[in-house]
Amino acid sequence: MSQNYLEIAQKLAARPYFILKSKDETTDGQPVFIARTLEIEDCIGQGSTPDEAEQDLRAALVDYIESLLEDDMFVPEPVRLMRTEGTGASTVVNLSNREMQPELLPVRDSFILTVQV
């Protein structure tokens, strides 16, 4: 692996990706936290705390992005908040990274997040 690709991957992985953290359990019933990004579905991190899961995810992102760079493939941009609509019961937040390079992004890369208030 090229040192140049590694340095670029580290910078790209540090960008403000939208990180989701959730609590789960292992097959033997032990609690575990999972972290993933909306933008790069194939990367997951896990740990015994939410912060450990995010650190593990950030390391996985570096490796994954480095492999994308080596294969001359597109590295997804972080999502951006496009608009917010509110109702009395919930708020709908639309996140999108389509504005960055719309011709390269499939439909699955547009997200809707509903936040209960």
PDB file of N, CA and C in Angstrom:
ATOM      1  N   MET A   1       0.839  -1.186   0.000  1.00  0.00           N
ATOM      2  CA  MET A   1       0.000   0.000   0.000  1.00  0.00           C
ATOM      3  C   MET A   1       0.879   1.243   0.000  1.00  0.00           C
ATOM      4  N   SER A   2       0.524   2.169  -0.833  1.00  0.00           N
ATOM      5  CA  SER A   2       1.296   3.386  -0.980  1.00  0.00           C
ATOM      6  C   SER A   2       1.106   4.308   0.226  1.00  0.00           C
ATOM      7  N   GLN A   3       2.208   4.868   0.698  1.00  0.00           N
ATOM      8  CA  GLN A   3       2.150   5.824   1.809  1.00  0.00           C
ATOM      9  C   GLN A   3       1.308   7.031   1.419  1.00  0.00           C
ATOM     10  N   ASN A   4       1.389   7.438   0.150  1.00  0.00           N
ATOM     11  CA  ASN A   4       0.620   8.567  -0.334  1.00  0.00           C
ATOM     12  C   ASN A   4      -0.876   8.298  -0.216  1.00  0.00           C
ATOM     13  N   TYR A   5      -1.318   7.101  -0.616  1.00  0.00           N
ATOM     14  CA  TYR A   5      -2.736   6.741  -0.494  1.00  0.00           C
ATOM     15  C   TYR A   5      -3.169   6.729   0.968  1.00  0.00           C
ATOM     16  N   LEU A   6      -2.312   6.236   1.840  1.00  0.00           N
ATOM     17  CA  LEU A   6      -2.640   6.186   3.258  1.00  0.00           C
ATOM     18  C   LEU A   6      -2.842   7.592   3.817  1.00  0.00           C
ATOM     19  N   GLU A   7      -1.954   8.509   3.490  1.00  0.00           N
ATOM     20  CA  GLU A   7      -2.079   9.886   3.984  1.00  0.00           C
ATOM     21  C   GLU A   7      -3.355  10.550   3.467  1.00  0.00           C
ATOM     22  N   ILE A   8      -3.659  10.347   2.201  1.00  0.00           N
ATOM     23  CA  ILE A   8      -4.882  10.920   1.628  1.00  0.00           C
ATOM     24  C   ILE A   8      -6.106  10.291   2.296  1.00  0.00           C
ATOM     25  N   ALA A   9      -6.079   8.975   2.480  1.00  0.00           N
ATOM     26  CA  ALA A   9      -7.206   8.271   3.107  1.00  0.00           C
ATOM     27  C   ALA A   9      -7.432   8.769   4.531  1.00  0.00           C
ATOM     28  N   GLN A  10      -6.372   9.025   5.269  1.00  0.00           N
ATOM     29  CA  GLN A  10      -6.509   9.535   6.637  1.00  0.00           C
ATOM     30  C   GLN A  10      -7.190  10.903   6.647  1.00  0.00           C
ATOM     31  N   LYS A  11      -6.823  11.752   5.710  1.00  0.00           N
ATOM     32  CA  LYS A  11      -7.452  13.079   5.622  1.00  0.00           C
ATOM     33  C   LYS A  11      -8.927  12.959   5.222  1.00  0.00           C
ATOM     34  N   LEU A  12      -9.208  12.112   4.242  1.00  0.00           N
ATOM     35  CA  LEU A  12     -10.591  11.948   3.791  1.00  0.00           C
ATOM     36  C   LEU A  12     -11.465  11.317   4.876  1.00  0.00           C
ATOM     37  N   ALA A  13     -10.937  10.350   5.607  1.00  0.00           N
ATOM     38  CA  ALA A  13     -11.709   9.679   6.661  1.00  0.00           C
ATOM     39  C   ALA A  13     -12.019  10.611   7.832  1.00  0.00           C
ATOM     40  N   ALA A  14     -11.216  11.659   7.991  1.00  0.00           N
ATOM     41  CA  ALA A  14     -11.427  12.615   9.087  1.00  0.00           C
ATOM     42  C   ALA A  14     -12.526  13.636   8.783  1.00  0.00           C
ATOM     43  N   ARG A  15     -13.047  13.600   7.552  1.00  0.00           N
ATOM     44  CA  ARG A  15     -14.111  14.546   7.195  1.00  0.00           C
ATOM     45  C   ARG A  15     -15.362  14.258   8.029  1.00  0.00           C
ATOM     46  N   PRO A  16     -16.291  15.210   8.080  1.00  0.00           N
ATOM     47  CA  PRO A  16     -17.470  15.070   8.960  1.00  0.00           C
ATOM     48  C   PRO A  16     -18.552  14.150   8.389  1.00  0.00           C
ATOM     49  N   TYR A  17     -18.254  12.856   8.338  1.00  0.00           N
ATOM     50  CA  TYR A  17     -19.272  11.894   7.916  1.00  0.00           C
ATOM     51  C   TYR A  17     -20.366  11.817   8.964  1.00  0.00           C
ATOM     52  N   PHE A  18     -21.576  11.498   8.512  1.00  0.00           N
ATOM     53  CA  PHE A  18     -22.726  11.368   9.405  1.00  0.00           C
ATOM     54  C   PHE A  18     -22.637   9.993  10.064  1.00  0.00           C
ATOM     55  N   ILE A  19     -22.348   9.955  11.364  1.00  0.00           N
ATOM     56  CA  ILE A  19     -22.127   8.694  12.065  1.00  0.00           C
ATOM     57  C   ILE A  19     -23.339   8.344  12.922  1.00  0.00           C
ATOM     58  N   LEU A  20     -23.822   7.135  12.724  1.00  0.00           N
ATOM     59  CA  LEU A  20     -24.915   6.592  13.522  1.00  0.00           C
ATOM     60  C   LEU A  20     -24.338   5.596  14.509  1.00  0.00           C
ATOM     61  N   LYS A  21     -24.715   5.713  15.774  1.00  0.00           N
ATOM     62  CA  LYS A  21     -24.256   4.773  16.792  1.00  0.00           C
ATOM     63  C   LYS A  21     -25.483   4.098  17.389  1.00  0.00           C
ATOM     64  N   SER A  22     -25.387   2.806  17.600  1.00  0.00           N
ATOM     65  CA  SER A  22     -26.503   2.081  18.205  1.00  0.00           C
ATOM     66  C   SER A  22     -25.973   1.018  19.142  1.00  0.00           C
ATOM     67  N   LYS A  23     -26.818   0.628  20.073  1.00  0.00           N
ATOM     68  CA  LYS A  23     -26.457  -0.416  21.028  1.00  0.00           C
ATOM     69  C   LYS A  23     -27.041  -1.727  20.529  1.00  0.00           C
ATOM     70  N   ASP A  24     -26.247  -2.773  20.606  1.00  0.00           N
ATOM     71  CA  ASP A  24     -26.672  -4.098  20.156  1.00  0.00           C
ATOM     72  C   ASP A  24     -26.140  -5.103  21.166  1.00  0.00           C
ATOM     73  N   GLU A  25     -26.220  -6.368  20.828  1.00  0.00           N
ATOM     74  CA  GLU A  25     -25.606  -7.369  21.684  1.00  0.00           C
ATOM     75  C   GLU A  25     -24.984  -8.458  20.821  1.00  0.00           C
ATOM     76  N   THR A  26     -23.965  -9.076  21.369  1.00  0.00           N
ATOM     77  CA  THR A  26     -23.280 -10.146  20.663  1.00  0.00           C
ATOM     78  C   THR A  26     -24.144 -11.407  20.704  1.00  0.00           C
ATOM     79  N   THR A  27     -23.703 -12.447  20.013  1.00  0.00           N
ATOM     80  CA  THR A  27     -24.470 -13.701  19.992  1.00  0.00           C
ATOM     81  C   THR A  27     -24.562 -14.336  21.365  1.00  0.00           C
ATOM     82  N   ASP A  28     -23.626 -14.019  22.264  1.00  0.00           N
ATOM     83  CA  ASP A  28     -23.722 -14.568  23.625  1.00  0.00           C
ATOM     84  C   ASP A  28     -24.349 -13.585  24.613  1.00  0.00           C
ATOM     85  N   GLY A  29     -25.026 -12.553  24.075  1.00  0.00           N
ATOM     86  CA  GLY A  29     -25.802 -11.639  24.911  1.00  0.00           C
ATOM     87  C   GLY A  29     -25.037 -10.494  25.536  1.00  0.00           C
ATOM     88  N   GLN A  30     -23.771 -10.313  25.192  1.00  0.00           N
ATOM     89  CA  GLN A  30     -22.989  -9.213  25.740  1.00  0.00           C
ATOM     90  C   GLN A  30     -23.312  -7.922  24.997  1.00  0.00           C
ATOM     91  N   PRO A  31     -23.415  -6.788  25.728  1.00  0.00           N
ATOM     92  CA  PRO A  31     -23.693  -5.519  25.048  1.00  0.00           C
ATOM     93  C   PRO A  31     -22.506  -5.071  24.195  1.00  0.00           C
ATOM     94  N   VAL A  32     -22.822  -4.461  23.059  1.00  0.00           N
ATOM     95  CA  VAL A  32     -21.810  -3.930  22.155  1.00  0.00           C
ATOM     96  C   VAL A  32     -22.400  -2.717  21.441  1.00  0.00           C
ATOM     97  N   PHE A  33     -21.575  -1.734  21.166  1.00  0.00           N
ATOM     98  CA  PHE A  33     -22.017  -0.564  20.420  1.00  0.00           C
ATOM     99  C   PHE A  33     -21.508  -0.669  18.998  1.00  0.00           C
ATOM    100  N   ILE A  34     -22.350  -0.264  18.053  1.00  0.00           N
ATOM    101  CA  ILE A  34     -22.043  -0.313  16.631  1.00  0.00           C
ATOM    102  C   ILE A  34     -22.052   1.123  16.100  1.00  0.00           C
ATOM    103  N   ALA A  35     -21.084   1.452  15.268  1.00  0.00           N
ATOM    104  CA  ALA A  35     -21.037   2.763  14.606  1.00  0.00           C
ATOM    105  C   ALA A  35     -20.912   2.527  13.110  1.00  0.00           C
ATOM    106  N   ARG A  36     -21.647   3.329  12.337  1.00  0.00           N
ATOM    107  CA  ARG A  36     -21.564   3.245  10.881  1.00  0.00           C
ATOM    108  C   ARG A  36     -21.872   4.614  10.298  1.00  0.00           C
ATOM    109  N   THR A  37     -21.530   4.790   9.021  1.00  0.00           N
ATOM    110  CA  THR A  37     -21.846   6.036   8.338  1.00  0.00           C
ATOM    111  C   THR A  37     -22.959   5.783   7.340  1.00  0.00           C
ATOM    112  N   LEU A  38     -23.724   6.810   7.063  1.00  0.00           N
ATOM    113  CA  LEU A  38     -24.736   6.716   6.021  1.00  0.00           C
ATOM    114  C   LEU A  38     -24.086   6.687   4.647  1.00  0.00           C
ATOM    115  N   GLU A  39     -22.973   7.384   4.513  1.00  0.00           N
ATOM    116  CA  GLU A  39     -22.355   7.566   3.209  1.00  0.00           C
ATOM    117  C   GLU A  39     -21.599   6.334   2.716  1.00  0.00           C
ATOM    118  N   ILE A  40     -21.001   5.592   3.624  1.00  0.00           N
ATOM    119  CA  ILE A  40     -20.194   4.425   3.251  1.00  0.00           C
ATOM    120  C   ILE A  40     -20.755   3.227   4.010  1.00  0.00           C
ATOM    121  N   GLU A  41     -21.680   2.534   3.378  1.00  0.00           N
ATOM    122  CA  GLU A  41     -22.422   1.462   4.043  1.00  0.00           C
ATOM    123  C   GLU A  41     -21.564   0.286   4.479  1.00  0.00           C
ATOM    124  N   ASP A  42     -20.483   0.021   3.793  1.00  0.00           N
ATOM    125  CA  ASP A  42     -19.717  -1.196   4.047  1.00  0.00           C
ATOM    126  C   ASP A  42     -18.735  -1.087   5.215  1.00  0.00           C
ATOM    127  N   CYS A  43     -18.679   0.038   5.877  1.00  0.00           N
ATOM    128  CA  CYS A  43     -17.777   0.208   7.021  1.00  0.00           C
ATOM    129  C   CYS A  43     -18.572   0.217   8.315  1.00  0.00           C
ATOM    130  N   ILE A  44     -18.098  -0.576   9.263  1.00  0.00           N
ATOM    131  CA  ILE A  44     -18.736  -0.625  10.577  1.00  0.00           C
ATOM    132  C   ILE A  44     -17.637  -0.627  11.632  1.00  0.00           C
ATOM    133  N   GLY A  45     -17.944  -0.019  12.756  1.00  0.00           N
ATOM    134  CA  GLY A  45     -17.045  -0.076  13.896  1.00  0.00           C
ATOM    135  C   GLY A  45     -17.812  -0.619  15.084  1.00  0.00           C
ATOM    136  N   GLN A  46     -17.115  -1.220  16.008  1.00  0.00           N
ATOM    137  CA  GLN A  46     -17.779  -1.713  17.214  1.00  0.00           C
ATOM    138  C   GLN A  46     -16.877  -1.501  18.410  1.00  0.00           C
ATOM    139  N   GLY A  47     -17.486  -1.451  19.579  1.00  0.00           N
ATOM    140  CA  GLY A  47     -16.724  -1.263  20.806  1.00  0.00           C
ATOM    141  C   GLY A  47     -17.614  -1.424  22.009  1.00  0.00           C
ATOM    142  N   SER A  48     -17.012  -1.376  23.175  1.00  0.00           N
ATOM    143  CA  SER A  48     -17.792  -1.531  24.402  1.00  0.00           C
ATOM    144  C   SER A  48     -18.451  -0.218  24.838  1.00  0.00           C
ATOM    145  N   THR A  49     -18.068   0.903  24.190  1.00  0.00           N
ATOM    146  CA  THR A  49     -18.704   2.199  24.419  1.00  0.00           C
ATOM    147  C   THR A  49     -18.978   2.839  23.055  1.00  0.00           C
ATOM    148  N   PRO A  50     -19.861   3.828  23.013  1.00  0.00           N
ATOM    149  CA  PRO A  50     -20.087   4.525  21.737  1.00  0.00           C
ATOM    150  C   PRO A  50     -18.810   5.152  21.173  1.00  0.00           C
ATOM    151  N   ASP A  51     -17.962   5.705  22.043  1.00  0.00           N
ATOM    152  CA  ASP A  51     -16.713   6.325  21.577  1.00  0.00           C
ATOM    153  C   ASP A  51     -15.748   5.296  21.000  1.00  0.00           C
ATOM    154  N   GLU A  52     -15.655   4.123  21.638  1.00  0.00           N
ATOM    155  CA  GLU A  52     -14.806   3.055  21.102  1.00  0.00           C
ATOM    156  C   GLU A  52     -15.311   2.600  19.736  1.00  0.00           C
ATOM    157  N   ALA A  53     -16.626   2.512  19.586  1.00  0.00           N
ATOM    158  CA  ALA A  53     -17.205   2.109  18.294  1.00  0.00           C
ATOM    159  C   ALA A  53     -16.860   3.137  17.222  1.00  0.00           C
ATOM    160  N   GLU A  54     -16.918   4.425  17.553  1.00  0.00           N
ATOM    161  CA  GLU A  54     -16.584   5.459  16.577  1.00  0.00           C
ATOM    162  C   GLU A  54     -15.096   5.412  16.211  1.00  0.00           C
ATOM    163  N   GLN A  55     -14.229   5.201  17.196  1.00  0.00           N
ATOM    164  CA  GLN A  55     -12.791   5.090  16.908  1.00  0.00           C
ATOM    165  C   GLN A  55     -12.515   3.905  15.982  1.00  0.00           C
ATOM    166  N   ASP A  56     -13.191   2.784  16.234  1.00  0.00           N
ATOM    167  CA  ASP A  56     -13.030   1.607  15.391  1.00  0.00           C
ATOM    168  C   ASP A  56     -13.536   1.888  13.976  1.00  0.00           C
ATOM    169  N   LEU A  57     -14.653   2.602  13.878  1.00  0.00           N
ATOM    170  CA  LEU A  57     -15.194   2.981  12.576  1.00  0.00           C
ATOM    171  C   LEU A  57     -14.219   3.876  11.822  1.00  0.00           C
ATOM    172  N   ARG A  58     -13.643   4.861  12.509  1.00  0.00           N
ATOM    173  CA  ARG A  58     -12.699   5.784  11.850  1.00  0.00           C
ATOM    174  C   ARG A  58     -11.497   5.007  11.287  1.00  0.00           C
ATOM    175  N   ALA A  59     -11.005   4.014  12.019  1.00  0.00           N
ATOM    176  CA  ALA A  59      -9.899   3.186  11.520  1.00  0.00           C
ATOM    177  C   ALA A  59     -10.341   2.380  10.301  1.00  0.00           C
ATOM    178  N   ALA A  60     -11.557   1.846  10.353  1.00  0.00           N
ATOM    179  CA  ALA A  60     -12.079   1.077   9.210  1.00  0.00           C
ATOM    180  C   ALA A  60     -12.264   1.979   7.993  1.00  0.00           C
ATOM    181  N   LEU A  61     -12.693   3.215   8.218  1.00  0.00           N
ATOM    182  CA  LEU A  61     -12.861   4.159   7.111  1.00  0.00           C
ATOM    183  C   LEU A  61     -11.530   4.436   6.406  1.00  0.00           C
ATOM    184  N   VAL A  62     -10.462   4.577   7.178  1.00  0.00           N
ATOM    185  CA  VAL A  62      -9.152   4.816   6.573  1.00  0.00           C
ATOM    186  C   VAL A  62      -8.789   3.657   5.653  1.00  0.00           C
ATOM    187  N   ASP A  63      -8.940   2.435   6.154  1.00  0.00           N
ATOM    188  CA  ASP A  63      -8.606   1.253   5.341  1.00  0.00           C
ATOM    189  C   ASP A  63      -9.486   1.171   4.099  1.00  0.00           C
ATOM    190  N   TYR A  64     -10.783   1.403   4.279  1.00  0.00           N
ATOM    191  CA  TYR A  64     -11.726   1.279   3.164  1.00  0.00           C
ATOM    192  C   TYR A  64     -11.466   2.355   2.106  1.00  0.00           C
ATOM    193  N   ILE A  65     -11.279   3.589   2.555  1.00  0.00           N
ATOM    194  CA  ILE A  65     -11.026   4.687   1.620  1.00  0.00           C
ATOM    195  C   ILE A  65      -9.695   4.480   0.905  1.00  0.00           C
ATOM    196  N   GLU A  66      -8.700   3.983   1.616  1.00  0.00           N
ATOM    197  CA  GLU A  66      -7.416   3.703   0.974  1.00  0.00           C
ATOM    198  C   GLU A  66      -7.591   2.679  -0.149  1.00  0.00           C
ATOM    199  N   SER A  67      -8.415   1.659   0.089  1.00  0.00           N
ATOM    200  CA  SER A  67      -8.634   0.654  -0.965  1.00  0.00           C
ATOM    201  C   SER A  67      -9.395   1.253  -2.151  1.00  0.00           C
ATOM    202  N   LEU A  68     -10.330   2.175  -1.887  1.00  0.00           N
ATOM    203  CA  LEU A  68     -11.029   2.852  -2.978  1.00  0.00           C
ATOM    204  C   LEU A  68     -10.049   3.671  -3.819  1.00  0.00           C
ATOM    205  N   LEU A  69      -9.161   4.380  -3.150  1.00  0.00           N
ATOM    206  CA  LEU A  69      -8.167   5.192  -3.856  1.00  0.00           C
ATOM    207  C   LEU A  69      -7.244   4.318  -4.701  1.00  0.00           C
ATOM    208  N   GLU A  70      -6.797   3.214  -4.138  1.00  0.00           N
ATOM    209  CA  GLU A  70      -5.901   2.309  -4.877  1.00  0.00           C
ATOM    210  C   GLU A  70      -6.568   1.747  -6.126  1.00  0.00           C
ATOM    211  N   ASP A  71      -7.892   1.525  -6.037  1.00  0.00           N
ATOM    212  CA  ASP A  71      -8.635   0.980  -7.174  1.00  0.00           C
ATOM    213  C   ASP A  71      -9.200   2.075  -8.069  1.00  0.00           C
ATOM    214  N   ASP A  72      -8.809   3.343  -7.810  1.00  0.00           N
ATOM    215  CA  ASP A  72      -9.258   4.489  -8.585  1.00  0.00           C
ATOM    216  C   ASP A  72     -10.785   4.591  -8.610  1.00  0.00           C
ATOM    217  N   MET A  73     -11.386   4.383  -7.439  1.00  0.00           N
ATOM    218  CA  MET A  73     -12.846   4.438  -7.314  1.00  0.00           C
ATOM    219  C   MET A  73     -13.253   5.707  -6.561  1.00  0.00           C
ATOM    220  N   PHE A  74     -14.516   6.068  -6.711  1.00  0.00           N
ATOM    221  CA  PHE A  74     -15.088   7.258  -6.086  1.00  0.00           C
ATOM    222  C   PHE A  74     -15.167   7.086  -4.573  1.00  0.00           C
ATOM    223  N   VAL A  75     -14.750   8.120  -3.832  1.00  0.00           N
ATOM    224  CA  VAL A  75     -14.879   8.155  -2.376  1.00  0.00           C
ATOM    225  C   VAL A  75     -16.070   9.050  -2.054  1.00  0.00           C
ATOM    226  N   PRO A  76     -17.121   8.497  -1.429  1.00  0.00           N
ATOM    227  CA  PRO A  76     -18.307   9.306  -1.136  1.00  0.00           C
ATOM    228  C   PRO A  76     -17.990  10.518  -0.256  1.00  0.00           C
ATOM    229  N   GLU A  77     -18.654  11.606  -0.574  1.00  0.00           N
ATOM    230  CA  GLU A  77     -18.546  12.840   0.203  1.00  0.00           C
ATOM    231  C   GLU A  77     -19.422  12.723   1.453  1.00  0.00           C
ATOM    232  N   PRO A  78     -19.091  13.477   2.510  1.00  0.00           N
ATOM    233  CA  PRO A  78     -20.003  13.541   3.662  1.00  0.00           C
ATOM    234  C   PRO A  78     -21.341  14.161   3.257  1.00  0.00           C
ATOM    235  N   VAL A  79     -22.419  13.739   3.892  1.00  0.00           N
ATOM    236  CA  VAL A  79     -23.729  14.314   3.593  1.00  0.00           C
ATOM    237  C   VAL A  79     -23.789  15.736   4.127  1.00  0.00           C
ATOM    238  N   ARG A  80     -24.707  16.496   3.546  1.00  0.00           N
ATOM    239  CA  ARG A  80     -24.922  17.870   3.998  1.00  0.00           C
ATOM    240  C   ARG A  80     -26.397  18.054   4.316  1.00  0.00           C
ATOM    241  N   LEU A  81     -26.685  18.881   5.295  1.00  0.00           N
ATOM    242  CA  LEU A  81     -28.062  19.207   5.625  1.00  0.00           C
ATOM    243  C   LEU A  81     -28.607  20.102   4.523  1.00  0.00           C
ATOM    244  N   MET A  82     -29.653  19.639   3.837  1.00  0.00           N
ATOM    245  CA  MET A  82     -30.195  20.385   2.708  1.00  0.00           C
ATOM    246  C   MET A  82     -31.385  21.259   3.102  1.00  0.00           C
ATOM    247  N   ARG A  83     -32.305  20.695   3.873  1.00  0.00           N
ATOM    248  CA  ARG A  83     -33.441  21.502   4.327  1.00  0.00           C
ATOM    249  C   ARG A  83     -34.093  20.791   5.506  1.00  0.00           C
ATOM    250  N   THR A  84     -34.830  21.536   6.286  1.00  0.00           N
ATOM    251  CA  THR A  84     -35.524  20.985   7.435  1.00  0.00           C
ATOM    252  C   THR A  84     -36.985  21.379   7.351  1.00  0.00           C
ATOM    253  N   GLU A  85     -37.861  20.413   7.584  1.00  0.00           N
ATOM    254  CA  GLU A  85     -39.295  20.657   7.633  1.00  0.00           C
ATOM    255  C   GLU A  85     -39.784  20.233   9.001  1.00  0.00           C
ATOM    256  N   GLY A  86     -40.642  21.001   9.600  1.00  0.00           N
ATOM    257  CA  GLY A  86     -41.115  20.659  10.934  1.00  0.00           C
ATOM    258  C   GLY A  86     -42.614  20.454  10.995  1.00  0.00           C
ATOM    259  N   THR A  87     -43.021  19.582  11.883  1.00  0.00           N
ATOM    260  CA  THR A  87     -44.433  19.392  12.202  1.00  0.00           C
ATOM    261  C   THR A  87     -44.547  19.396  13.719  1.00  0.00           C
ATOM    262  N   GLY A  88     -45.743  19.307  14.225  1.00  0.00           N
ATOM    263  CA  GLY A  88     -45.931  19.315  15.667  1.00  0.00           C
ATOM    264  C   GLY A  88     -45.377  18.086  16.355  1.00  0.00           C
ATOM    265  N   ALA A  89     -45.370  16.935  15.695  1.00  0.00           N
ATOM    266  CA  ALA A  89     -44.965  15.689  16.338  1.00  0.00           C
ATOM    267  C   ALA A  89     -43.526  15.291  16.043  1.00  0.00           C
ATOM    268  N   SER A  90     -43.002  15.680  14.903  1.00  0.00           N
ATOM    269  CA  SER A  90     -41.639  15.269  14.568  1.00  0.00           C
ATOM    270  C   SER A  90     -41.011  16.271  13.611  1.00  0.00           C
ATOM    271  N   THR A  91     -39.730  16.144  13.431  1.00  0.00           N
ATOM    272  CA  THR A  91     -39.000  16.977  12.485  1.00  0.00           C
ATOM    273  C   THR A  91     -38.367  16.062  11.452  1.00  0.00           C
ATOM    274  N   VAL A  92     -38.514  16.396  10.189  1.00  0.00           N
ATOM    275  CA  VAL A  92     -37.903  15.622   9.120  1.00  0.00           C
ATOM    276  C   VAL A  92     -36.693  16.392   8.628  1.00  0.00           C
ATOM    277  N   VAL A  93     -35.553  15.733   8.622  1.00  0.00           N
ATOM    278  CA  VAL A  93     -34.314  16.344   8.172  1.00  0.00           C
ATOM    279  C   VAL A  93     -33.848  15.580   6.941  1.00  0.00           C
ATOM    280  N   ASN A  94     -33.672  16.272   5.846  1.00  0.00           N
ATOM    281  CA  ASN A  94     -33.171  15.636   4.624  1.00  0.00           C
ATOM    282  C   ASN A  94     -31.677  15.869   4.514  1.00  0.00           C
ATOM    283  N   LEU A  95     -30.934  14.791   4.400  1.00  0.00           N
ATOM    284  CA  LEU A  95     -29.497  14.867   4.236  1.00  0.00           C
ATOM    285  C   LEU A  95     -29.168  14.392   2.839  1.00  0.00           C
ATOM    286  N   SER A  96     -28.228  15.060   2.197  1.00  0.00           N
ATOM    287  CA  SER A  96     -27.895  14.644   0.844  1.00  0.00           C
ATOM    288  C   SER A  96     -26.446  14.966   0.528  1.00  0.00           C
ATOM    289  N   ASN A  97     -25.820  14.107  -0.272  1.00  0.00           N
ATOM    290  CA  ASN A  97     -24.511  14.435  -0.799  1.00  0.00           C
ATOM    291  C   ASN A  97     -24.575  14.500  -2.319  1.00  0.00           C
ATOM    292  N   ARG A  98     -25.768  14.602  -2.873  1.00  0.00           N
ATOM    293  CA  ARG A  98     -25.975  14.662  -4.310  1.00  0.00           C
ATOM    294  C   ARG A  98     -25.392  15.923  -4.935  1.00  0.00           C
ATOM    295  N   GLU A  99     -25.411  17.040  -4.221  1.00  0.00           N
ATOM    296  CA  GLU A  99     -24.954  18.297  -4.797  1.00  0.00           C
ATOM    297  C   GLU A  99     -23.464  18.254  -5.127  1.00  0.00           C
ATOM    298  N   MET A 100     -22.712  17.419  -4.428  1.00  0.00           N
ATOM    299  CA  MET A 100     -21.269  17.354  -4.637  1.00  0.00           C
ATOM    300  C   MET A 100     -20.934  16.760  -6.012  1.00  0.00           C
ATOM    301  N   GLN A 101     -21.478  15.578  -6.336  1.00  0.00           N
ATOM    302  CA  GLN A 101     -21.229  14.937  -7.624  1.00  0.00           C
ATOM    303  C   GLN A 101     -22.446  14.086  -7.972  1.00  0.00           C
ATOM    304  N   PRO A 102     -23.552  14.715  -8.354  1.00  0.00           N
ATOM    305  CA  PRO A 102     -24.805  13.980  -8.536  1.00  0.00           C
ATOM    306  C   PRO A 102     -24.744  12.863  -9.563  1.00  0.00           C
ATOM    307  N   GLU A 103     -23.949  12.996 -10.598  1.00  0.00           N
ATOM    308  CA  GLU A 103     -23.922  11.967 -11.638  1.00  0.00           C
ATOM    309  C   GLU A 103     -23.262  10.681 -11.164  1.00  0.00           C
ATOM    310  N   LEU A 104     -22.514  10.718 -10.066  1.00  0.00           N
ATOM    311  CA  LEU A 104     -21.807   9.534  -9.588  1.00  0.00           C
ATOM    312  C   LEU A 104     -22.549   8.796  -8.482  1.00  0.00           C
ATOM    313  N   LEU A 105     -23.625   9.371  -7.968  1.00  0.00           N
ATOM    314  CA  LEU A 105     -24.267   8.796  -6.801  1.00  0.00           C
ATOM    315  C   LEU A 105     -25.562   8.077  -7.150  1.00  0.00           C
ATOM    316  N   PRO A 106     -25.684   6.818  -6.742  1.00  0.00           N
ATOM    317  CA  PRO A 106     -26.938   6.105  -6.960  1.00  0.00           C
ATOM    318  C   PRO A 106     -28.030   6.622  -6.025  1.00  0.00           C
ATOM    319  N   VAL A 107     -29.251   6.245  -6.284  1.00  0.00           N
ATOM    320  CA  VAL A 107     -30.404   6.716  -5.505  1.00  0.00           C
ATOM    321  C   VAL A 107     -30.259   6.400  -4.024  1.00  0.00           C
ATOM    322  N   ARG A 108     -29.634   5.295  -3.675  1.00  0.00           N
ATOM    323  CA  ARG A 108     -29.542   4.900  -2.273  1.00  0.00           C
ATOM    324  C   ARG A 108     -28.733   5.868  -1.418  1.00  0.00           C
ATOM    325  N   ASP A 109     -28.051   6.841  -2.031  1.00  0.00           N
ATOM    326  CA  ASP A 109     -27.238   7.768  -1.278  1.00  0.00           C
ATOM    327  C   ASP A 109     -27.968   9.062  -0.911  1.00  0.00           C
ATOM    328  N   SER A 110     -29.275   9.047  -0.913  1.00  0.00           N
ATOM    329  CA  SER A 110     -30.056  10.168  -0.429  1.00  0.00           C
ATOM    330  C   SER A 110     -30.803   9.669   0.802  1.00  0.00           C
ATOM    331  N   PHE A 111     -30.789  10.431   1.882  1.00  0.00           N
ATOM    332  CA  PHE A 111     -31.292   9.933   3.143  1.00  0.00           C
ATOM    333  C   PHE A 111     -32.366  10.844   3.722  1.00  0.00           C
ATOM    334  N   ILE A 112     -33.291  10.244   4.451  1.00  0.00           N
ATOM    335  CA  ILE A 112     -34.263  11.006   5.214  1.00  0.00           C
ATOM    336  C   ILE A 112     -34.166  10.530   6.655  1.00  0.00           C
ATOM    337  N   LEU A 113     -34.013  11.456   7.561  1.00  0.00           N
ATOM    338  CA  LEU A 113     -33.884  11.160   8.964  1.00  0.00           C
ATOM    339  C   LEU A 113     -35.051  11.819   9.686  1.00  0.00           C
ATOM    340  N   THR A 114     -35.800  11.049  10.441  1.00  0.00           N
ATOM    341  CA  THR A 114     -36.900  11.598  11.217  1.00  0.00           C
ATOM    342  C   THR A 114     -36.497  11.626  12.673  1.00  0.00           C
ATOM    343  N   VAL A 115     -36.587  12.806  13.274  1.00  0.00           N
ATOM    344  CA  VAL A 115     -36.206  12.974  14.675  1.00  0.00           C
ATOM    345  C   VAL A 115     -37.463  13.316  15.467  1.00  0.00           C
ATOM    346  N   GLN A 116     -37.777  12.525  16.457  1.00  0.00           N
ATOM    347  CA  GLN A 116     -38.937  12.802  17.315  1.00  0.00           C
ATOM    348  C   GLN A 116     -38.565  13.916  18.305  1.00  0.00           C
ATOM    349  N   VAL A 117     -39.481  14.863  18.481  1.00  0.00           N
ATOM    350  CA  VAL A 117     -39.235  15.959  19.434  1.00  0.00           C
ATOM    351  C   VAL A 117     -40.065  15.783  20.671  1.00  0.00           C
TER     352      VAL A 117
END
